[in-house]
């Protein structure tokens, strides 16, 4: 599990580097051929981590319901993401994984049952460990989308 968490951390560090060099306007721009933008993908990985690792284990999300709704699977940008929201996502990016690791080590999830989740990726998640492994793939997928979008918004 340590390696999987390190992969997630590295992907998220790379994602943070990608957005650091962009303006608020560039982050919010929906490039031609896409139905979302860089900052939606960034916010989406934050929301998804809480859903996959906490909500499906019976805990509340640490992300406000309004943000969860805006960045959940199946949503798309309906309004620009504000500077304050961007700052919150940046703060949560590393904190989330550190908190997850602490909670796993402290046994927070013991004696809890994972609410099974069939994913659009084509696999079914049955346990928290599976969710964490899937999260590494999920984060990398959305980082890849953002890299493609960055090429368009910078031109």
N, C-alpha and C. Protein backbone atom coordinates (compact mmCIF):
# COMPACT_ATOMS: atom_id res chain seq x y z
N UNK A 1 0.83 -1.20 0.00
CA UNK A 1 0.00 0.00 0.00
C UNK A 1 0.87 1.27 0.00
N UNK A 2 2.03 1.20 0.66
CA UNK A 2 2.91 2.37 0.70
C UNK A 2 3.28 2.84 -0.71
N UNK A 3 3.57 1.89 -1.61
CA UNK A 3 3.93 2.24 -2.98
C UNK A 3 2.76 2.89 -3.70
N UNK A 4 1.56 2.39 -3.48
CA UNK A 4 0.38 2.97 -4.13
C UNK A 4 0.16 4.40 -3.65
N UNK A 5 0.30 4.63 -2.36
CA UNK A 5 0.15 5.99 -1.83
C UNK A 5 1.22 6.91 -2.39
N UNK A 6 2.42 6.39 -2.57
CA UNK A 6 3.50 7.19 -3.14
C UNK A 6 3.21 7.53 -4.61
N UNK A 7 2.64 6.60 -5.34
CA UNK A 7 2.25 6.86 -6.73
C UNK A 7 1.20 7.98 -6.76
N UNK A 8 0.22 7.90 -5.88
CA UNK A 8 -0.82 8.94 -5.82
C UNK A 8 -0.18 10.28 -5.48
N UNK A 9 0.69 10.30 -4.49
CA UNK A 9 1.36 11.56 -4.11
C UNK A 9 2.14 12.15 -5.29
N UNK A 10 2.85 11.30 -6.00
CA UNK A 10 3.67 11.78 -7.13
C UNK A 10 2.78 12.33 -8.24
N UNK A 11 1.72 11.63 -8.57
CA UNK A 11 0.79 12.13 -9.59
C UNK A 11 0.23 13.48 -9.17
N UNK A 12 -0.15 13.60 -7.91
CA UNK A 12 -0.72 14.85 -7.42
C UNK A 12 0.30 15.99 -7.40
N UNK A 13 1.56 15.68 -7.08
CA UNK A 13 2.61 16.71 -7.13
C UNK A 13 2.77 17.20 -8.57
N UNK A 14 2.77 16.26 -9.50
CA UNK A 14 2.88 16.63 -10.92
C UNK A 14 1.69 17.46 -11.37
N UNK A 15 0.51 17.10 -10.91
CA UNK A 15 -0.71 17.84 -11.26
C UNK A 15 -0.60 19.27 -10.72
N UNK A 16 -0.12 19.40 -9.49
CA UNK A 16 0.03 20.72 -8.88
C UNK A 16 1.02 21.57 -9.69
N UNK A 17 2.12 20.97 -10.11
CA UNK A 17 3.09 21.70 -10.95
C UNK A 17 2.43 22.19 -12.24
N UNK A 18 1.59 21.35 -12.82
CA UNK A 18 0.91 21.69 -14.06
C UNK A 18 0.03 22.93 -13.87
N UNK A 19 -0.73 22.97 -12.79
CA UNK A 19 -1.66 24.10 -12.63
C UNK A 19 -0.97 25.37 -12.13
N UNK A 20 0.16 25.23 -11.46
CA UNK A 20 0.86 26.40 -10.90
C UNK A 20 1.23 27.42 -11.97
N UNK A 21 1.52 26.97 -13.17
CA UNK A 21 1.94 27.88 -14.22
C UNK A 21 0.81 28.46 -15.05
N UNK A 22 -0.43 28.23 -14.64
CA UNK A 22 -1.57 28.68 -15.44
C UNK A 22 -2.38 29.75 -14.71
N UNK A 23 -3.01 30.61 -15.49
CA UNK A 23 -3.86 31.64 -14.92
C UNK A 23 -5.22 31.04 -14.54
N UNK A 24 -5.97 31.79 -13.76
CA UNK A 24 -7.32 31.36 -13.40
C UNK A 24 -8.17 31.18 -14.66
N UNK A 25 -7.98 32.07 -15.62
CA UNK A 25 -8.73 31.97 -16.88
C UNK A 25 -8.37 30.70 -17.64
N UNK A 26 -7.07 30.39 -17.71
CA UNK A 26 -6.64 29.17 -18.40
C UNK A 26 -7.16 27.92 -17.70
N UNK A 27 -7.15 27.93 -16.37
CA UNK A 27 -7.64 26.78 -15.61
C UNK A 27 -9.12 26.52 -15.87
N UNK A 28 -9.89 27.59 -16.06
CA UNK A 28 -11.34 27.49 -16.25
C UNK A 28 -11.77 27.33 -17.71
N UNK A 29 -10.84 27.50 -18.64
CA UNK A 29 -11.20 27.41 -20.06
C UNK A 29 -11.46 25.95 -20.44
N UNK A 30 -12.55 25.72 -21.16
CA UNK A 30 -12.85 24.39 -21.68
C UNK A 30 -12.31 24.33 -23.11
N UNK A 31 -11.24 23.55 -23.30
CA UNK A 31 -10.64 23.48 -24.63
C UNK A 31 -11.57 22.79 -25.63
N UNK A 32 -11.38 23.12 -26.88
CA UNK A 32 -12.17 22.50 -27.94
C UNK A 32 -11.98 20.99 -27.88
N UNK A 33 -13.09 20.27 -27.99
CA UNK A 33 -13.05 18.82 -27.97
C UNK A 33 -13.22 18.21 -26.59
N UNK A 34 -13.28 19.04 -25.55
CA UNK A 34 -13.45 18.56 -24.18
C UNK A 34 -14.77 19.07 -23.62
N UNK A 35 -15.28 18.39 -22.60
CA UNK A 35 -16.50 18.88 -21.93
C UNK A 35 -16.21 19.35 -20.50
N UNK A 36 -14.92 19.43 -20.17
CA UNK A 36 -14.52 19.96 -18.87
C UNK A 36 -13.20 20.71 -19.04
N UNK A 37 -12.60 21.12 -17.94
CA UNK A 37 -11.38 21.91 -18.01
C UNK A 37 -10.36 21.39 -16.99
N UNK A 38 -9.20 22.03 -16.96
CA UNK A 38 -8.12 21.59 -16.09
C UNK A 38 -8.54 21.62 -14.63
N UNK A 39 -9.15 22.70 -14.21
CA UNK A 39 -9.48 22.82 -12.79
C UNK A 39 -10.62 21.90 -12.40
N UNK A 40 -11.51 21.55 -13.34
CA UNK A 40 -12.54 20.55 -13.04
C UNK A 40 -11.86 19.21 -12.76
N UNK A 41 -10.90 18.82 -13.59
CA UNK A 41 -10.18 17.57 -13.38
C UNK A 41 -9.45 17.57 -12.04
N UNK A 42 -8.87 18.70 -11.68
CA UNK A 42 -8.15 18.85 -10.41
C UNK A 42 -9.13 18.69 -9.24
N UNK A 43 -10.25 19.40 -9.29
CA UNK A 43 -11.25 19.29 -8.24
C UNK A 43 -11.88 17.91 -8.19
N UNK A 44 -12.04 17.30 -9.35
CA UNK A 44 -12.65 15.98 -9.42
C UNK A 44 -11.84 14.93 -8.67
N UNK A 45 -10.51 14.98 -8.76
CA UNK A 45 -9.72 13.97 -8.04
C UNK A 45 -9.84 14.16 -6.53
N UNK A 46 -10.03 15.41 -6.09
CA UNK A 46 -10.21 15.69 -4.66
C UNK A 46 -11.54 15.10 -4.19
N UNK A 47 -12.59 15.37 -4.91
CA UNK A 47 -13.93 14.88 -4.56
C UNK A 47 -13.98 13.36 -4.62
N UNK A 48 -13.40 12.79 -5.67
CA UNK A 48 -13.45 11.35 -5.85
C UNK A 48 -12.72 10.60 -4.74
N UNK A 49 -11.60 11.14 -4.27
CA UNK A 49 -10.88 10.47 -3.18
C UNK A 49 -11.78 10.35 -1.96
N UNK A 50 -12.51 11.39 -1.63
CA UNK A 50 -13.39 11.34 -0.47
C UNK A 50 -14.52 10.34 -0.67
N UNK A 51 -15.08 10.33 -1.87
CA UNK A 51 -16.17 9.39 -2.16
C UNK A 51 -15.69 7.95 -2.11
N UNK A 52 -14.58 7.67 -2.79
CA UNK A 52 -14.07 6.30 -2.85
C UNK A 52 -13.61 5.78 -1.49
N UNK A 53 -12.92 6.61 -0.74
CA UNK A 53 -12.25 6.12 0.46
C UNK A 53 -13.00 6.38 1.77
N UNK A 54 -13.88 7.34 1.80
CA UNK A 54 -14.58 7.64 3.04
C UNK A 54 -16.09 7.41 2.93
N UNK A 55 -16.72 8.04 1.97
CA UNK A 55 -18.17 7.95 1.86
C UNK A 55 -18.61 6.50 1.68
N UNK A 56 -17.91 5.75 0.84
CA UNK A 56 -18.30 4.35 0.60
C UNK A 56 -17.96 3.45 1.79
N UNK A 57 -17.28 4.00 2.78
CA UNK A 57 -17.01 3.27 4.03
C UNK A 57 -17.94 3.75 5.16
N UNK A 58 -18.88 4.65 4.80
CA UNK A 58 -19.87 5.10 5.78
C UNK A 58 -19.51 6.37 6.53
N UNK A 59 -18.48 7.08 6.09
CA UNK A 59 -18.09 8.35 6.70
C UNK A 59 -18.58 9.51 5.84
N UNK A 60 -18.62 10.68 6.43
CA UNK A 60 -18.95 11.89 5.68
C UNK A 60 -17.70 12.36 4.93
N UNK A 61 -17.93 13.03 3.82
CA UNK A 61 -16.84 13.65 3.06
C UNK A 61 -16.35 14.89 3.78
N UNK A 62 -15.07 15.15 3.67
CA UNK A 62 -14.52 16.39 4.24
C UNK A 62 -14.71 17.57 3.28
N UNK A 63 -15.23 17.29 2.10
CA UNK A 63 -15.48 18.32 1.09
C UNK A 63 -16.95 18.74 1.17
N UNK A 64 -17.19 20.03 1.10
CA UNK A 64 -18.56 20.56 1.19
C UNK A 64 -19.46 19.91 0.13
N UNK A 65 -20.72 19.62 0.49
CA UNK A 65 -21.64 19.00 -0.47
C UNK A 65 -21.78 19.78 -1.78
N UNK A 66 -21.73 21.11 -1.70
CA UNK A 66 -21.87 21.91 -2.93
C UNK A 66 -20.69 21.66 -3.89
N UNK A 67 -19.49 21.52 -3.35
CA UNK A 67 -18.33 21.23 -4.20
C UNK A 67 -18.37 19.78 -4.68
N UNK A 68 -18.80 18.89 -3.82
CA UNK A 68 -18.93 17.49 -4.22
C UNK A 68 -19.87 17.37 -5.41
N UNK A 69 -20.96 18.08 -5.36
CA UNK A 69 -21.94 18.03 -6.45
C UNK A 69 -21.35 18.60 -7.75
N UNK A 70 -20.59 19.68 -7.65
CA UNK A 70 -20.03 20.32 -8.84
C UNK A 70 -18.91 19.52 -9.51
N UNK A 71 -18.23 18.66 -8.73
CA UNK A 71 -17.05 17.96 -9.26
C UNK A 71 -17.19 16.44 -9.24
N UNK A 72 -18.38 15.96 -8.96
CA UNK A 72 -18.61 14.51 -8.90
C UNK A 72 -18.58 13.92 -10.31
N UNK A 73 -18.50 12.60 -10.35
CA UNK A 73 -18.55 11.88 -11.62
C UNK A 73 -19.84 12.27 -12.35
N UNK A 74 -19.71 12.53 -13.64
CA UNK A 74 -20.87 12.87 -14.45
C UNK A 74 -21.20 14.36 -14.49
N UNK A 75 -20.50 15.15 -13.69
CA UNK A 75 -20.75 16.59 -13.72
C UNK A 75 -19.84 17.23 -14.76
N UNK A 76 -20.07 18.51 -15.01
CA UNK A 76 -19.21 19.28 -15.89
C UNK A 76 -19.23 20.72 -15.38
N UNK A 77 -18.26 21.51 -15.79
CA UNK A 77 -18.19 22.88 -15.30
C UNK A 77 -19.43 23.69 -15.69
N UNK A 78 -20.10 24.23 -14.69
CA UNK A 78 -21.29 25.06 -14.91
C UNK A 78 -20.99 26.53 -14.57
N UNK A 79 -19.91 26.74 -13.84
CA UNK A 79 -19.50 28.09 -13.43
C UNK A 79 -18.00 28.08 -13.22
N UNK A 80 -17.36 29.24 -13.29
CA UNK A 80 -15.92 29.28 -13.06
C UNK A 80 -15.57 28.88 -11.62
N UNK A 81 -14.43 28.25 -11.47
CA UNK A 81 -13.90 27.92 -10.15
C UNK A 81 -13.18 29.15 -9.65
N UNK A 82 -13.45 29.54 -8.42
CA UNK A 82 -12.89 30.76 -7.85
C UNK A 82 -11.47 30.54 -7.32
N UNK A 83 -10.78 31.65 -7.06
CA UNK A 83 -9.44 31.58 -6.47
C UNK A 83 -9.48 30.87 -5.13
N UNK A 84 -10.52 31.11 -4.36
CA UNK A 84 -10.66 30.48 -3.04
C UNK A 84 -10.83 28.96 -3.17
N UNK A 85 -11.62 28.55 -4.14
CA UNK A 85 -11.81 27.11 -4.37
C UNK A 85 -10.53 26.46 -4.87
N UNK A 86 -9.81 27.14 -5.73
CA UNK A 86 -8.53 26.63 -6.22
C UNK A 86 -7.57 26.46 -5.04
N UNK A 87 -7.52 27.44 -4.16
CA UNK A 87 -6.66 27.36 -2.98
C UNK A 87 -7.05 26.19 -2.08
N UNK A 88 -8.34 25.98 -1.91
CA UNK A 88 -8.81 24.84 -1.11
C UNK A 88 -8.36 23.52 -1.73
N UNK A 89 -8.53 23.39 -3.03
CA UNK A 89 -8.12 22.15 -3.70
C UNK A 89 -6.62 21.91 -3.57
N UNK A 90 -5.83 22.97 -3.70
CA UNK A 90 -4.38 22.83 -3.55
C UNK A 90 -4.03 22.34 -2.15
N UNK A 91 -4.71 22.89 -1.16
CA UNK A 91 -4.47 22.50 0.23
C UNK A 91 -4.86 21.04 0.45
N UNK A 92 -5.99 20.65 -0.09
CA UNK A 92 -6.50 19.29 0.10
C UNK A 92 -5.68 18.24 -0.64
N UNK A 93 -5.04 18.64 -1.71
CA UNK A 93 -4.35 17.70 -2.59
C UNK A 93 -3.42 16.76 -1.84
N UNK A 94 -2.51 17.31 -1.05
CA UNK A 94 -1.56 16.49 -0.29
C UNK A 94 -2.17 16.04 1.03
N UNK A 95 -2.89 16.93 1.67
CA UNK A 95 -3.48 16.62 2.98
C UNK A 95 -4.35 15.38 2.93
N UNK A 96 -5.13 15.24 1.89
CA UNK A 96 -6.04 14.09 1.78
C UNK A 96 -5.31 12.76 1.87
N UNK A 97 -4.22 12.63 1.15
CA UNK A 97 -3.52 11.35 1.12
C UNK A 97 -2.80 11.11 2.44
N UNK A 98 -2.25 12.17 3.02
CA UNK A 98 -1.63 12.03 4.34
C UNK A 98 -2.66 11.60 5.38
N UNK A 99 -3.85 12.21 5.32
CA UNK A 99 -4.92 11.87 6.26
C UNK A 99 -5.39 10.44 6.05
N UNK A 100 -5.54 10.04 4.80
CA UNK A 100 -5.96 8.67 4.50
C UNK A 100 -4.96 7.67 5.07
N UNK A 101 -3.68 7.93 4.86
CA UNK A 101 -2.65 7.02 5.38
C UNK A 101 -2.72 6.95 6.91
N UNK A 102 -2.86 8.09 7.56
CA UNK A 102 -2.99 8.12 9.03
C UNK A 102 -4.21 7.33 9.48
N UNK A 103 -5.34 7.55 8.82
CA UNK A 103 -6.58 6.88 9.20
C UNK A 103 -6.48 5.37 9.00
N UNK A 104 -5.81 4.96 7.94
CA UNK A 104 -5.63 3.52 7.70
C UNK A 104 -4.74 2.92 8.78
N UNK A 105 -3.65 3.60 9.11
CA UNK A 105 -2.73 3.10 10.13
C UNK A 105 -3.37 3.07 11.51
N UNK A 106 -4.28 4.01 11.77
CA UNK A 106 -4.95 4.09 13.07
C UNK A 106 -6.11 3.09 13.18
N UNK A 107 -6.43 2.40 12.09
CA UNK A 107 -7.50 1.41 12.13
C UNK A 107 -8.90 2.00 12.02
N UNK A 108 -9.02 3.22 11.52
CA UNK A 108 -10.32 3.87 11.41
C UNK A 108 -11.33 3.06 10.60
N UNK A 109 -10.84 2.35 9.61
CA UNK A 109 -11.73 1.65 8.68
C UNK A 109 -12.03 0.20 9.09
N UNK A 110 -11.39 -0.26 10.17
CA UNK A 110 -11.63 -1.63 10.62
C UNK A 110 -13.08 -1.79 11.04
N UNK A 111 -13.60 -2.96 10.82
CA UNK A 111 -14.98 -3.30 11.17
C UNK A 111 -16.01 -2.47 10.41
N UNK A 112 -15.59 -1.96 9.28
CA UNK A 112 -16.50 -1.25 8.37
C UNK A 112 -16.56 -2.03 7.07
N UNK A 113 -17.70 -1.97 6.43
CA UNK A 113 -17.88 -2.67 5.16
C UNK A 113 -17.87 -1.65 4.03
N UNK A 114 -17.14 -1.98 2.98
CA UNK A 114 -17.06 -1.10 1.81
C UNK A 114 -18.32 -1.29 0.97
N UNK A 115 -18.93 -0.18 0.58
CA UNK A 115 -20.10 -0.24 -0.31
C UNK A 115 -19.59 -0.44 -1.74
N UNK A 116 -19.81 -1.63 -2.26
CA UNK A 116 -19.30 -2.03 -3.57
C UNK A 116 -19.60 -0.97 -4.63
N UNK A 117 -18.63 -0.77 -5.54
CA UNK A 117 -18.78 0.24 -6.58
C UNK A 117 -18.32 -0.30 -7.93
N UNK A 118 -19.26 -0.52 -8.86
CA UNK A 118 -18.86 -0.82 -10.23
C UNK A 118 -18.43 0.51 -10.88
N UNK A 119 -17.25 0.54 -11.47
CA UNK A 119 -16.73 1.79 -12.05
C UNK A 119 -16.95 1.84 -13.55
N UNK A 120 -16.92 3.04 -14.09
CA UNK A 120 -17.02 3.20 -15.54
C UNK A 120 -15.74 2.72 -16.23
N UNK A 121 -14.70 2.48 -15.45
CA UNK A 121 -13.43 1.97 -15.97
C UNK A 121 -13.54 0.48 -16.30
N UNK A 122 -14.59 -0.15 -15.76
CA UNK A 122 -14.83 -1.55 -16.07
C UNK A 122 -14.46 -2.52 -14.97
N UNK A 123 -14.11 -2.01 -13.80
CA UNK A 123 -13.82 -2.88 -12.67
C UNK A 123 -14.78 -2.56 -11.53
N UNK A 124 -14.93 -3.50 -10.62
CA UNK A 124 -15.75 -3.30 -9.45
C UNK A 124 -14.85 -3.21 -8.23
N UNK A 125 -15.06 -2.18 -7.43
CA UNK A 125 -14.29 -1.99 -6.20
C UNK A 125 -15.08 -2.61 -5.05
N UNK A 126 -14.41 -3.50 -4.30
CA UNK A 126 -15.07 -4.21 -3.21
C UNK A 126 -14.52 -3.90 -1.83
N UNK A 127 -13.32 -3.29 -1.77
CA UNK A 127 -12.68 -3.02 -0.48
C UNK A 127 -11.98 -1.66 -0.52
N UNK A 128 -11.63 -1.18 0.65
CA UNK A 128 -10.88 0.08 0.71
C UNK A 128 -9.53 -0.07 0.02
N UNK A 129 -8.84 -1.18 0.22
CA UNK A 129 -7.56 -1.38 -0.45
C UNK A 129 -7.71 -1.29 -1.97
N UNK A 130 -8.74 -1.92 -2.49
CA UNK A 130 -9.00 -1.84 -3.93
C UNK A 130 -9.29 -0.40 -4.34
N UNK A 131 -10.01 0.34 -3.50
CA UNK A 131 -10.33 1.74 -3.80
C UNK A 131 -9.06 2.58 -3.88
N UNK A 132 -8.14 2.36 -2.97
CA UNK A 132 -6.89 3.13 -2.97
C UNK A 132 -6.07 2.80 -4.21
N UNK A 133 -6.00 1.53 -4.56
CA UNK A 133 -5.28 1.15 -5.79
C UNK A 133 -5.94 1.78 -7.02
N UNK A 134 -7.25 1.75 -7.06
CA UNK A 134 -7.98 2.36 -8.17
C UNK A 134 -7.76 3.87 -8.21
N UNK A 135 -7.69 4.50 -7.04
CA UNK A 135 -7.48 5.95 -6.97
C UNK A 135 -6.20 6.35 -7.70
N UNK A 136 -5.16 5.54 -7.60
CA UNK A 136 -3.91 5.84 -8.31
C UNK A 136 -4.14 5.91 -9.81
N UNK A 137 -4.91 4.98 -10.34
CA UNK A 137 -5.24 4.97 -11.76
C UNK A 137 -6.13 6.15 -12.12
N UNK A 138 -7.14 6.39 -11.29
CA UNK A 138 -8.09 7.47 -11.52
C UNK A 138 -7.39 8.83 -11.56
N UNK A 139 -6.52 9.09 -10.56
CA UNK A 139 -5.80 10.37 -10.52
C UNK A 139 -4.92 10.54 -11.76
N UNK A 140 -4.24 9.47 -12.16
CA UNK A 140 -3.36 9.55 -13.33
C UNK A 140 -4.15 9.80 -14.61
N UNK A 141 -5.32 9.19 -14.71
CA UNK A 141 -6.17 9.40 -15.88
C UNK A 141 -6.56 10.88 -16.01
N UNK A 142 -6.98 11.49 -14.90
CA UNK A 142 -7.40 12.89 -14.95
C UNK A 142 -6.21 13.84 -15.08
N UNK A 143 -5.06 13.46 -14.57
CA UNK A 143 -3.85 14.23 -14.80
C UNK A 143 -3.52 14.22 -16.30
N UNK A 144 -3.68 13.08 -16.93
CA UNK A 144 -3.45 12.98 -18.38
C UNK A 144 -4.38 13.87 -19.18
N UNK A 145 -5.67 13.89 -18.79
CA UNK A 145 -6.61 14.80 -19.45
C UNK A 145 -6.14 16.24 -19.31
N UNK A 146 -5.74 16.60 -18.09
CA UNK A 146 -5.31 17.98 -17.84
C UNK A 146 -4.05 18.33 -18.63
N UNK A 147 -3.15 17.38 -18.81
CA UNK A 147 -1.97 17.64 -19.62
C UNK A 147 -2.36 17.94 -21.07
N UNK A 148 -3.31 17.19 -21.60
CA UNK A 148 -3.78 17.43 -22.96
C UNK A 148 -4.47 18.79 -23.05
N UNK A 149 -5.25 19.13 -22.04
CA UNK A 149 -5.95 20.41 -22.02
C UNK A 149 -4.96 21.57 -21.90
N UNK A 150 -3.90 21.37 -21.14
CA UNK A 150 -2.91 22.42 -20.96
C UNK A 150 -2.29 22.82 -22.29
N UNK A 151 -2.00 21.85 -23.12
CA UNK A 151 -1.41 22.16 -24.43
C UNK A 151 -2.31 23.10 -25.24
N UNK A 152 -3.63 22.91 -25.12
CA UNK A 152 -4.55 23.74 -25.87
C UNK A 152 -4.73 25.12 -25.26
N UNK A 153 -4.80 25.21 -23.94
CA UNK A 153 -5.08 26.52 -23.32
C UNK A 153 -3.87 27.43 -23.34
N UNK A 154 -2.66 26.87 -23.46
CA UNK A 154 -1.46 27.68 -23.49
C UNK A 154 -1.20 28.26 -24.87
N UNK A 155 -1.85 27.72 -25.90
CA UNK A 155 -1.65 28.21 -27.28
C UNK A 155 -2.63 29.32 -27.61
